[in-house]
Amino acid sequence: MRRLAMLGVVALSGCTAAPTGTAAREWRGAERKAMAGRVREEFRHAWEGYKRYAWGHDELKPLSREAHDWYSRPLLITPVDALDTLLLLGDREEAERTRAYIVENLSFDKDISVKNFEITIRVLGGLLSASQMMSDPRLLALADDLGRRLLPVFDSPTGMPYVYVNLKTGETSGAESNPAEIGTLLLEFGTLARLTGKSVYYDKAKHALTRLFERRSPIGLVGEVIDVESGRWVSPSSHVGARIDSYYEYLLKCWRLFDDEECGRMWRESIAALNRHVADETPTGLWYGPVDMTSGRRTAREFGALEAFFPAVLALAGDLDRARRLQDSAFSMWSAAGVEPDGFDYVAMRATHPAYPLRPEIVESAWSLHRATGDPRYLDMGRVFFDAIVTHCRTEAGYAVLEDVNTKRQGDLMPSYFLAETLKYFHLLFAPQDDIDPEKVVFTTEAHPLRRTW
């Protein structure tokens, strides 16, 4: 396997990396332990801020020190999303208190219309993971109740899910969806099926995934927006970013978690099409940029924070050459302004969408590559990412998104995934868990570890 030139440690400012060919310095055990301790301290700071100012609600607004709820009635999104992070960090006492609160207070018998995708990955996935880790049938019962209330989304003419569903009435809405929201359900619904013995969950989510795959273009690509009633593509833009990203992730991971060979076939055909048409070799590195789904014509030279998940997927699939090179590119995107933007012109090397919403993907890729290779430069990268987030996003009440990576202007939100994903992947990078066997544990797109116990 070809190895690329090592990146050196970069300065906190995110400027230029060390010259190509400079080997990464080996990390001492005490050094990694100290970094893991810092991660735990910052998680505690963020968690305590949520508890103080937003407990019982969905998310924290750290600048105004107020609660933010997604809908008219809260669904405890942050506690559910972060429960397995508490367990992985070893804070069993706090996890027990959080579980008790969830079991006593969380109900889905609410007359609210929710977004199926977000509630599936954050709430259903969080309940399933915690129920496995804590062996708690009450959490599984909550997951089963939620899953049952979400099932009506699949009652479209094509079997691909509607975007919204009312948890009480089952009324659905939102026919224009996308591959990510259609194809990022099977890990959660499939695990629910395995743990409850109710095959309808697996069958509905798998049917939606295959119906989407069947609508790929003649060159093997999917578009950005599709109508789930007619099956007609509304936007032909194809890439690995927002609205598509985790569709590809779940093809691979469903194959691994459920030994589903059809998912394996769909993954192999899809990655071949991506490498042929979407991958972009440029003087600034390897990138995956937007193309037209039918012709493969390049439509933009843009990458971003969400696309930075793809090195992790490539590493999981065993393509370490592309994974390394793409992570190097993502690191250069981070380094351009000291924090990665949501959109980045990789020819001009400048931000096109300058927000940074505390996303985890680039940290996940550093962890995945370090787990696969043992290369210490991914620890170096992780420290650069962590130091920058602490410097620019920390507030007295928690952590805040950045509205602009150039000015480092903060916004008033701490998304639940910052606790569920970003800090979790930092912890895994610096304090690996012995009980996370990659052959038996698969992380969802929201970083909830699901264990193949069936």
Protein backbone atom coordinates (compact mmCIF):
# COMPACT_ATOMS: atom_id res chain seq x y z
CA MET A 1 0.00 0.00 0.00
CA ARG A 2 1.42 3.32 -1.00
CA ARG A 3 2.20 5.69 1.83
CA LEU A 4 2.03 9.43 1.39
CA ALA A 5 4.33 12.04 2.77
CA MET A 6 3.69 12.76 6.41
CA LEU A 7 2.13 16.00 7.57
CA GLY A 8 3.91 17.71 10.40
CA VAL A 9 2.29 19.34 13.35
CA VAL A 10 0.72 22.62 12.31
CA ALA A 11 0.36 25.75 14.34
CA LEU A 12 -2.91 26.57 16.06
CA SER A 13 -3.48 29.38 13.59
CA GLY A 14 -4.03 26.74 10.93
CA CYS A 15 -1.30 28.01 8.63
CA THR A 16 1.06 25.92 6.56
CA ALA A 17 1.78 22.29 7.38
CA ALA A 18 5.32 21.03 7.80
CA PRO A 19 7.20 20.29 4.55
CA THR A 20 6.26 17.15 2.69
CA GLY A 21 8.32 14.22 3.89
CA THR A 22 8.54 15.33 7.51
CA ALA A 23 7.65 12.40 9.74
CA ALA A 24 5.08 12.86 12.46
CA ARG A 25 6.46 12.75 15.97
CA GLU A 26 5.54 9.69 18.02
CA TRP A 27 3.11 10.30 20.85
CA ARG A 28 3.89 9.18 24.40
CA GLY A 29 1.22 7.38 26.39
CA ALA A 30 1.08 10.17 28.95
CA GLU A 31 0.58 12.72 26.18
CA ARG A 32 -2.43 10.89 24.77
CA LYS A 33 -3.80 10.43 28.27
CA ALA A 34 -3.51 14.17 28.90
CA MET A 35 -5.33 14.97 25.65
CA ALA A 36 -8.07 12.50 26.54
CA GLY A 37 -8.38 14.26 29.89
CA ARG A 38 -8.79 17.60 28.14
CA VAL A 39 -11.54 16.16 25.97
CA ARG A 40 -13.39 14.86 29.03
CA GLU A 41 -13.06 18.27 30.72
CA GLU A 42 -14.49 20.08 27.71
CA PHE A 43 -17.32 17.59 27.38
CA ARG A 44 -18.12 18.18 31.04
CA HIS A 45 -18.07 21.95 30.46
CA ALA A 46 -20.47 21.67 27.52
CA TRP A 47 -22.72 19.17 29.31
CA GLU A 48 -22.92 21.23 32.48
CA GLY A 49 -23.80 24.29 30.41
CA TYR A 50 -26.66 22.39 28.80
CA LYS A 51 -27.84 21.11 32.18
CA ARG A 52 -27.74 24.54 33.79
CA TYR A 53 -29.50 26.52 31.09
CA ALA A 54 -31.47 24.04 28.94
CA TRP A 55 -32.16 20.86 30.93
CA GLY A 56 -35.35 19.16 29.78
CA HIS A 57 -35.15 20.85 26.38
CA ASP A 58 -33.65 19.86 23.06
CA GLU A 59 -30.54 22.04 22.76
CA LEU A 60 -28.63 24.90 24.38
CA LYS A 61 -28.25 28.45 23.08
CA PRO A 62 -24.90 29.19 24.74
CA LEU A 63 -24.66 32.92 24.05
CA SER A 64 -28.11 33.88 25.32
CA ARG A 65 -28.03 31.02 27.87
CA GLU A 66 -31.45 29.82 26.90
CA ALA A 67 -33.04 26.59 25.72
CA HIS A 68 -33.83 25.79 22.11
CA ASP A 69 -36.57 23.30 21.23
CA TRP A 70 -37.01 21.89 17.75
CA TYR A 71 -40.80 21.70 17.99
CA SER A 72 -43.59 23.02 20.18
CA ARG A 73 -42.81 20.29 22.70
CA PRO A 74 -39.29 19.05 23.54
CA LEU A 75 -38.03 15.56 22.71
CA LEU A 76 -34.93 15.65 24.98
CA ILE A 77 -32.73 15.50 21.90
CA THR A 78 -29.45 16.44 23.61
CA PRO A 79 -29.79 13.98 26.56
CA VAL A 80 -30.76 11.10 24.26
CA ASP A 81 -28.11 11.97 21.68
CA ALA A 82 -25.34 12.30 24.29
CA LEU A 83 -26.18 9.38 26.59
CA ASP A 84 -23.83 6.88 24.96
CA THR A 85 -21.05 9.52 24.95
CA LEU A 86 -21.38 9.72 28.75
CA LEU A 87 -21.00 5.94 28.85
CA LEU A 88 -17.96 5.89 26.54
CA LEU A 89 -16.30 8.63 28.61
CA GLY A 90 -16.77 6.47 31.70
CA ASP A 91 -19.18 8.79 33.54
CA ARG A 92 -21.54 6.02 34.60
CA GLU A 93 -23.09 7.99 37.45
CA GLU A 94 -24.13 10.87 35.19
CA ALA A 95 -25.32 8.40 32.56
CA GLU A 96 -27.54 6.70 35.13
CA ARG A 97 -29.11 10.02 36.13
CA THR A 98 -29.66 10.91 32.50
CA ARG A 99 -31.20 7.54 31.72
CA ALA A 100 -33.57 7.86 34.68
CA TYR A 101 -34.70 11.28 33.48
CA ILE A 102 -35.25 10.04 29.93
CA VAL A 103 -37.24 7.00 31.02
CA GLU A 104 -39.43 9.06 33.33
CA ASN A 105 -40.01 12.08 31.08
CA LEU A 106 -39.65 11.19 27.40
CA SER A 107 -42.89 10.53 25.55
CA PHE A 108 -43.58 10.47 21.82
CA ASP A 109 -47.34 10.78 22.22
CA LYS A 110 -47.19 14.34 20.93
CA ASP A 111 -49.20 16.10 18.24
CA ILE A 112 -46.13 17.41 16.43
CA SER A 113 -44.80 16.91 12.91
CA VAL A 114 -41.14 15.90 13.05
CA LYS A 115 -38.41 15.41 10.50
CA ASN A 116 -38.04 11.66 10.11
CA PHE A 117 -34.33 11.70 9.22
CA GLU A 118 -33.16 13.86 12.12
CA ILE A 119 -35.30 12.11 14.72
CA THR A 120 -34.15 8.72 13.44
CA ILE A 121 -30.44 9.43 13.60
CA ARG A 122 -30.45 11.45 16.83
CA VAL A 123 -33.24 10.00 18.97
CA LEU A 124 -33.95 6.51 17.64
CA GLY A 125 -30.24 5.81 17.22
CA GLY A 126 -29.41 7.21 20.65
CA LEU A 127 -32.06 5.09 22.36
CA LEU A 128 -30.94 1.93 20.57
CA SER A 129 -27.26 2.41 21.34
CA ALA A 130 -27.89 3.22 25.02
CA SER A 131 -30.31 0.32 25.37
CA GLN A 132 -27.59 -2.06 24.18
CA MET A 133 -24.86 -0.51 26.32
CA MET A 134 -27.02 -0.36 29.47
CA SER A 135 -29.10 -3.51 28.82
CA ASP A 136 -32.24 -1.50 29.55
CA PRO A 137 -35.50 -2.79 28.04
CA ARG A 138 -37.20 0.52 28.88
CA LEU A 139 -34.97 2.37 26.42
CA LEU A 140 -35.70 -0.27 23.80
CA ALA A 141 -39.43 0.11 24.47
CA LEU A 142 -39.12 3.85 23.86
CA ALA A 143 -37.25 3.13 20.62
CA ASP A 144 -39.95 0.68 19.54
CA ASP A 145 -42.69 3.22 20.26
CA LEU A 146 -40.84 5.88 18.28
CA GLY A 147 -40.14 3.52 15.39
CA ARG A 148 -43.81 2.59 15.16
CA ARG A 149 -44.79 6.26 15.01
CA LEU A 150 -42.25 6.94 12.25
CA LEU A 151 -43.32 4.06 9.99
CA PRO A 152 -46.03 5.99 8.08
CA VAL A 153 -43.30 7.98 6.29
CA PHE A 154 -42.70 4.95 4.08
CA ASP A 155 -46.28 4.94 2.74
CA SER A 156 -45.44 6.84 -0.44
CA PRO A 157 -46.13 5.49 -3.96
CA THR A 158 -42.43 4.63 -4.35
CA GLY A 159 -41.79 3.39 -0.80
CA MET A 160 -39.23 6.14 -0.31
CA PRO A 161 -40.06 8.09 2.86
CA TYR A 162 -41.75 11.44 3.17
CA VAL A 163 -39.75 14.07 5.01
CA TYR A 164 -42.15 14.71 7.92
CA VAL A 165 -44.56 12.68 10.03
CA ASN A 166 -46.90 13.61 12.88
CA LEU A 167 -46.03 11.47 15.88
CA LYS A 168 -49.64 11.26 17.07
CA THR A 169 -51.70 11.14 13.88
CA GLY A 170 -49.26 9.56 11.44
CA GLU A 171 -49.97 12.29 8.89
CA THR A 172 -47.06 12.72 6.47
CA SER A 173 -45.79 15.63 4.37
CA GLY A 174 -42.81 16.69 2.32
CA ALA A 175 -42.54 14.80 -0.96
CA GLU A 176 -39.28 16.41 -2.07
CA SER A 177 -36.51 14.56 -0.28
CA ASN A 178 -32.92 13.55 -0.92
CA PRO A 179 -30.66 10.47 -0.86
CA ALA A 180 -29.30 11.21 2.62
CA GLU A 181 -32.74 11.40 4.21
CA ILE A 182 -34.00 8.38 2.28
CA GLY A 183 -30.93 6.18 2.59
CA THR A 184 -29.74 6.94 6.13
CA LEU A 185 -32.32 4.91 8.04
CA LEU A 186 -31.45 1.24 7.74
CA LEU A 187 -28.84 1.02 10.51
CA GLU A 188 -31.35 2.34 13.05
CA PHE A 189 -34.50 0.69 11.71
CA GLY A 190 -32.62 -2.53 11.01
CA THR A 191 -31.20 -2.69 14.53
CA LEU A 192 -34.67 -2.01 15.93
CA ALA A 193 -35.97 -4.91 13.85
CA ARG A 194 -33.26 -7.26 15.11
CA LEU A 195 -33.73 -6.29 18.77
CA THR A 196 -37.55 -6.41 18.74
CA GLY A 197 -38.12 -9.23 16.26
CA LYS A 198 -40.33 -6.93 14.16
CA SER A 199 -39.09 -7.34 10.60
CA VAL A 200 -41.29 -4.52 9.28
CA TYR A 201 -38.70 -1.99 10.42
CA TYR A 202 -35.91 -3.58 8.39
CA ASP A 203 -38.10 -4.29 5.39
CA LYS A 204 -39.47 -0.75 5.04
CA ALA A 205 -36.08 0.97 5.37
CA LYS A 206 -34.36 -1.53 3.07
CA HIS A 207 -37.09 -1.17 0.46
CA ALA A 208 -36.65 2.61 0.48
CA LEU A 209 -32.89 2.24 0.05
CA THR A 210 -33.17 -0.13 -2.90
CA ARG A 211 -35.85 1.98 -4.61
CA LEU A 212 -33.49 4.94 -4.44
CA PHE A 213 -30.54 2.94 -5.75
CA GLU A 214 -32.64 1.74 -8.71
CA ARG A 215 -33.11 5.36 -9.76
CA ARG A 216 -29.41 6.10 -10.14
CA SER A 217 -28.27 7.44 -13.49
CA PRO A 218 -26.80 5.33 -16.31
CA ILE A 219 -23.31 6.20 -15.03
CA GLY A 220 -24.20 5.05 -11.50
CA LEU A 221 -24.77 8.35 -9.66
CA VAL A 222 -27.67 9.73 -7.66
CA GLY A 223 -28.83 13.34 -7.66
CA GLU A 224 -29.40 15.81 -4.86
CA VAL A 225 -33.21 16.07 -4.66
CA ILE A 226 -35.90 13.54 -5.61
CA ASP A 227 -39.70 13.46 -5.45
CA VAL A 228 -40.70 10.39 -3.41
CA GLU A 229 -44.18 10.28 -4.97
CA SER A 230 -43.17 10.31 -8.63
CA GLY A 231 -39.60 9.08 -8.32
CA ARG A 232 -38.49 12.00 -10.49
CA TRP A 233 -35.16 13.70 -9.84
CA VAL A 234 -35.62 17.39 -9.03
CA SER A 235 -31.91 18.27 -8.79
CA PRO A 236 -29.32 16.37 -10.86
CA SER A 237 -26.30 17.59 -8.89
CA SER A 238 -24.22 14.66 -7.66
CA HIS A 239 -21.51 14.77 -4.98
CA VAL A 240 -20.71 13.40 -1.50
CA GLY A 241 -21.89 16.43 0.47
CA ALA A 242 -25.11 17.70 2.03
CA ARG A 243 -28.28 15.84 0.99
CA ILE A 244 -26.33 12.84 -0.33
CA ASP A 245 -23.39 12.12 2.02
CA SER A 246 -24.61 9.46 4.48
CA TYR A 247 -26.49 7.53 1.78
CA TYR A 248 -23.13 6.17 0.67
CA GLU A 249 -22.00 5.66 4.26
CA TYR A 250 -25.00 3.45 5.01
CA LEU A 251 -24.59 1.25 1.94
CA LEU A 252 -21.23 0.19 3.32
CA LYS A 253 -22.16 0.07 6.99
CA CYS A 254 -25.41 -1.87 6.49
CA TRP A 255 -23.40 -4.47 4.63
CA ARG A 256 -21.03 -4.72 7.61
CA LEU A 257 -23.61 -4.64 10.41
CA PHE A 258 -26.23 -6.95 8.90
CA ASP A 259 -24.13 -8.99 6.46
CA ASP A 260 -26.53 -7.77 3.80
CA GLU A 261 -24.87 -8.73 0.53
CA GLU A 262 -27.25 -6.62 -1.55
CA CYS A 263 -26.04 -3.54 0.34
CA GLY A 264 -22.50 -4.72 -0.36
CA ARG A 265 -23.22 -4.90 -4.08
CA MET A 266 -24.83 -1.46 -4.06
CA TRP A 267 -21.82 -0.05 -2.21
CA ARG A 268 -19.30 -1.54 -4.65
CA GLU A 269 -21.17 -0.21 -7.69
CA SER A 270 -21.59 3.21 -6.07
CA ILE A 271 -17.99 3.69 -4.98
CA ALA A 272 -16.79 2.70 -8.43
CA ALA A 273 -19.00 5.41 -9.95
CA LEU A 274 -17.84 7.99 -7.40
CA ASN A 275 -14.17 7.26 -8.01
CA ARG A 276 -14.69 7.41 -11.75
CA HIS A 277 -16.79 10.57 -12.00
CA VAL A 278 -16.80 12.55 -8.73
CA ALA A 279 -13.19 12.21 -7.59
CA ASP A 280 -11.15 15.19 -8.73
CA GLU A 281 -7.35 15.08 -8.92
CA THR A 282 -6.07 18.67 -8.80
CA PRO A 283 -2.80 20.47 -8.04
CA THR A 284 -4.19 21.11 -4.53
CA GLY A 285 -4.86 17.43 -3.87
CA LEU A 286 -7.54 14.76 -4.21
CA TRP A 287 -11.09 16.02 -3.75
CA TYR A 288 -14.61 14.82 -4.46
CA GLY A 289 -16.53 17.66 -6.13
CA PRO A 290 -19.98 18.14 -7.71
CA VAL A 291 -20.85 16.76 -11.14
CA ASP A 292 -23.99 16.27 -13.21
CA MET A 293 -25.46 12.87 -12.31
CA THR A 294 -26.20 11.92 -15.92
CA SER A 295 -23.16 13.13 -17.85
CA GLY A 296 -20.48 13.30 -15.13
CA ARG A 297 -19.70 16.87 -16.22
CA ARG A 298 -17.88 18.82 -13.50
CA THR A 299 -20.21 21.58 -12.24
CA ALA A 300 -18.14 23.07 -9.40
CA ARG A 301 -14.86 22.69 -7.54
CA GLU A 302 -16.29 22.68 -4.04
CA PHE A 303 -15.81 20.54 -0.93
CA GLY A 304 -16.77 21.24 2.70
CA ALA A 305 -17.08 20.15 6.30
CA LEU A 306 -19.79 17.57 5.57
CA GLU A 307 -17.78 16.00 2.74
CA ALA A 308 -14.94 15.48 5.22
CA PHE A 309 -16.68 12.31 6.40
CA PHE A 310 -15.62 10.52 3.23
CA PRO A 311 -12.02 9.65 4.26
CA ALA A 312 -13.55 7.69 7.16
CA VAL A 313 -15.77 5.74 4.78
CA LEU A 314 -12.89 5.06 2.40
CA ALA A 315 -10.75 3.87 5.32
CA LEU A 316 -13.53 1.57 6.55
CA ALA A 317 -13.78 0.14 3.04
CA GLY A 318 -10.01 -0.52 2.98
CA ASP A 319 -9.05 2.12 0.41
CA LEU A 320 -6.36 3.69 2.58
CA ASP A 321 -4.56 5.37 -0.31
CA ARG A 322 -7.54 7.54 -1.27
CA ALA A 323 -8.54 7.94 2.38
CA ARG A 324 -5.12 9.36 3.30
CA ARG A 325 -4.98 11.72 0.34
CA LEU A 326 -8.51 13.00 0.85
CA GLN A 327 -7.86 13.58 4.56
CA ASP A 328 -4.75 15.57 3.61
CA SER A 329 -6.97 17.71 1.39
CA ALA A 330 -9.54 18.16 4.15
CA PHE A 331 -6.75 19.17 6.51
CA SER A 332 -5.61 21.84 4.06
CA MET A 333 -9.21 23.10 3.97
CA TRP A 334 -9.17 23.36 7.76
CA SER A 335 -5.80 25.09 7.70
CA ALA A 336 -6.85 27.80 5.23
CA ALA A 337 -8.71 29.77 7.92
CA GLY A 338 -7.81 27.85 11.08
CA VAL A 339 -11.25 26.15 11.13
CA GLU A 340 -13.00 24.33 8.29
CA PRO A 341 -15.94 26.00 6.50
CA ASP A 342 -19.15 24.37 5.31
CA GLY A 343 -18.18 25.15 1.72
CA PHE A 344 -14.70 25.51 0.21
CA ASP A 345 -13.42 26.29 -3.28
CA TYR A 346 -10.53 23.84 -3.56
CA VAL A 347 -8.97 25.59 -6.56
CA ALA A 348 -8.96 29.10 -5.09
CA MET A 349 -8.50 27.58 -1.58
CA ARG A 350 -11.03 29.87 0.06
CA ALA A 351 -14.34 29.50 1.89
CA THR A 352 -17.54 29.78 -0.11
CA HIS A 353 -19.89 29.03 2.81
CA PRO A 354 -17.90 30.22 5.83
CA ALA A 355 -20.01 28.81 8.70
CA TYR A 356 -18.65 26.07 10.99
CA PRO A 357 -21.54 24.45 12.90
CA LEU A 358 -19.26 22.40 15.24
CA ARG A 359 -19.29 19.51 12.77
CA PRO A 360 -17.61 16.17 13.62
CA GLU A 361 -16.79 14.65 10.23
CA ILE A 362 -13.14 15.63 9.90
CA VAL A 363 -12.47 14.35 13.45
CA GLU A 364 -14.22 11.09 12.63
CA SER A 365 -11.94 10.66 9.62
CA ALA A 366 -8.83 11.33 11.71
CA TRP A 367 -9.98 8.68 14.20
CA SER A 368 -10.83 6.15 11.47
CA LEU A 369 -7.48 6.61 9.75
CA HIS A 370 -5.54 6.39 13.00
CA ARG A 371 -7.41 3.23 13.92
CA ALA A 372 -6.65 1.75 10.50
CA THR A 373 -3.00 2.82 10.22
CA GLY A 374 -1.67 3.73 13.67
CA ASP A 375 -0.06 6.76 12.04
CA PRO A 376 0.58 9.43 14.73
CA ARG A 377 0.02 12.30 12.32
CA TYR A 378 -3.72 11.76 12.77
CA LEU A 379 -3.23 12.43 16.47
CA ASP A 380 -1.39 15.61 15.45
CA MET A 381 -4.34 16.58 13.28
CA GLY A 382 -6.76 15.83 16.07
CA ARG A 383 -4.93 18.13 18.44
CA VAL A 384 -4.98 20.94 15.86
CA PHE A 385 -8.74 20.50 15.42
CA PHE A 386 -9.38 20.33 19.17
CA ASP A 387 -7.25 23.35 20.06
CA ALA A 388 -8.94 25.46 17.39
CA ILE A 389 -12.43 24.52 18.54
CA VAL A 390 -11.58 25.29 22.17
CA THR A 391 -10.00 28.61 21.19
CA HIS A 392 -12.75 29.86 18.91
CA CYS A 393 -15.98 28.09 19.93
CA ARG A 394 -15.83 27.80 23.73
CA THR A 395 -18.12 30.08 25.73
CA GLU A 396 -18.79 30.45 29.41
CA ALA A 397 -21.98 28.42 29.04
CA GLY A 398 -20.79 25.74 26.60
CA TYR A 399 -19.75 25.75 22.94
CA ALA A 400 -21.07 27.84 20.07
CA VAL A 401 -21.17 27.35 16.32
CA LEU A 402 -19.19 29.78 14.18
CA GLU A 403 -21.10 31.92 11.71
CA ASP A 404 -17.88 32.82 9.90
CA VAL A 405 -14.57 30.96 10.10
CA ASN A 406 -12.71 33.99 8.79
CA THR A 407 -13.83 36.38 11.53
CA LYS A 408 -14.56 33.60 14.10
CA ARG A 409 -17.92 35.24 14.85
CA GLN A 410 -19.96 32.92 17.06
CA GLY A 411 -23.60 31.91 16.64
CA ASP A 412 -26.09 31.10 19.38
CA LEU A 413 -26.44 27.31 19.23
CA MET A 414 -24.75 24.19 20.57
CA PRO A 415 -26.13 21.33 18.41
CA SER A 416 -26.75 18.01 20.11
CA TYR A 417 -24.30 16.33 17.75
CA PHE A 418 -21.41 18.31 19.25
CA LEU A 419 -21.81 16.12 22.35
CA ALA A 420 -22.96 13.02 20.48
CA GLU A 421 -20.34 13.07 17.72
CA THR A 422 -17.63 15.72 17.75
CA LEU A 423 -16.41 15.26 21.33
CA LYS A 424 -17.02 11.52 21.15
CA TYR A 425 -14.68 11.14 18.18
CA PHE A 426 -12.06 13.27 19.91
CA HIS A 427 -12.29 10.95 22.90
CA LEU A 428 -12.03 7.83 20.75
CA LEU A 429 -9.01 9.29 18.95
CA PHE A 430 -7.05 9.96 22.13
CA ALA A 431 -8.50 7.26 24.43
CA PRO A 432 -9.39 4.23 22.28
CA GLN A 433 -12.03 1.87 23.68
CA ASP A 434 -10.95 -1.76 23.96
CA ASP A 435 -14.53 -3.01 23.67
CA ILE A 436 -15.19 -1.35 20.29
CA ASP A 437 -14.44 -4.20 17.92
CA PRO A 438 -14.78 -2.89 14.34
CA GLU A 439 -16.00 -6.33 13.31
CA LYS A 440 -18.92 -6.19 15.77
CA VAL A 441 -19.60 -2.48 16.34
CA VAL A 442 -20.74 -0.04 13.66
CA PHE A 443 -21.14 3.69 14.28
CA THR A 444 -24.19 5.35 12.81
CA THR A 445 -23.93 8.65 10.98
CA GLU A 446 -24.71 10.28 14.37
CA ALA A 447 -21.84 8.29 15.99
CA HIS A 448 -24.11 5.95 17.93
CA PRO A 449 -22.33 2.60 18.30
CA LEU A 450 -24.60 -0.31 17.37
CA ARG A 451 -23.45 -3.77 18.40
CA ARG A 452 -24.17 -6.89 16.39
CA THR A 453 -25.65 -8.86 19.29
CA TRP A 454 -28.06 -10.90 17.18
